[in-house]
Amino acid sequence: MFQQLGEKTLYIFAACNAITIPMIWALYPETSQRTLEEINLLFASDSIWNWEAEKTLALLREQGEVPERRQSVLSAKRLGSSSAGTPRAGLHQSDKSPNVGVEGSV
């Protein structure tokens, strides 16, 4: 089938992409740097439009309905602690031996 279409296959593919890009822009909210609770509220919005969901989330945030963001795991790793805030062995500069606690290490 695609061999009969020849280079028209590329035009069909380009048309599908051209139709899809505005749909993605209008219907899918940005989820980067958001908590799971915020993403849940975005997708639970009554409106299908992205900008309406963002307005609803901003309104809920002003009313205090959205939980406060906690410290991320990445920043905890930079501080040398676990996600619970307890220090981890082997992550501090003062540790000289990287194999502390491993069986068979000297």
Foldseek 3Di string as FASTA:
>chain_A
DVVVCPCVVVVVVVVVVVVVVVVCVFQPEDDPPHDPQLNVQLVPDPDRTRVVSVVVSVVCVVVVNGDDDDDDQVVLVVVQHGPVNHHDPQSDPVDDDNCPPPPPDD
